[in-house]
Amino acid sequence: MSNVVVFDLDKTLARYNVSFAFGNFLYRRRIISLSCMATLVMLYVCNKMGLCSIKKLHGASFRLFVYKKESVLIQSEVDAFLSASNGSLFRHTMLEELRKAKARGDLVLIQSSSPLCIVKPIATLLGVEHAIGTQYGIDQDGKFCSIDQIIDGEAKRVHLVQFLEERGLLSKNVTAYSDSIVDLPLLESVGTPVAVCPDSSLKKIARKRKWRIAV
């Protein structure tokens, strides 16, 4: 029976939020304005304080950065962003966990709330075939036009269930890594949950349930 290893991206496999980092990259390249970047910072902080929902954060980020922009242009900027990061994007301890999983022949899946247009190139860079992220719609002119699906903790759980059912695999053979309490539905659904540099809420639960805590 195959084992499955699931990695969250932001602040787990990556050292920080990749969407925020990409926004900062666009600002430094003068593709977005100072006011747009300031709005992103404000919303990001409010989200972390529980004052702004993930849906509102995604909606504002989408309107500010990619709405009505050509998908090929954004994709080229993502490629430039990853090239400029030169490997500094990733948490090396988690890269080692990823390497070990691939060496064992485990199925590896990256799940992220960040946009798929960022997540998929990262997965490709790391040699991971399976990845999901928040999905943007593209109109007939090749421009981003809508948010089709936001990937949160519950969406990750549902996707994993479908992923396992399609392959005849069992949840008890899944290891999942995440830093955030938002991903609790996912972590509770697998055989081996791992909290990675967890936020205070997840750390409390991980200690109570004797889950592994990684750094």
Foldseek 3Di string as FASTA:
>chain_A
DFFEEEEEQACWFFVHGVLLLLVVLCVVVVVADPVLNVVLVVQVVCVVVVNHPPVRSVVSSCVRPFAFHALVVVLVSLVVSVVVCVPNGGDVVVLVVVVVCVVVVHQYEYEYQAEPSNVVVVCVVSVHDHYDYFYFDADPVRGTHGGPDGDWLVNVQVVVVVVCVVVVHAQLSYEYEEAEPRNVSVQVRHNAYEHEVHDPVVVVVCVVVVHHYHD
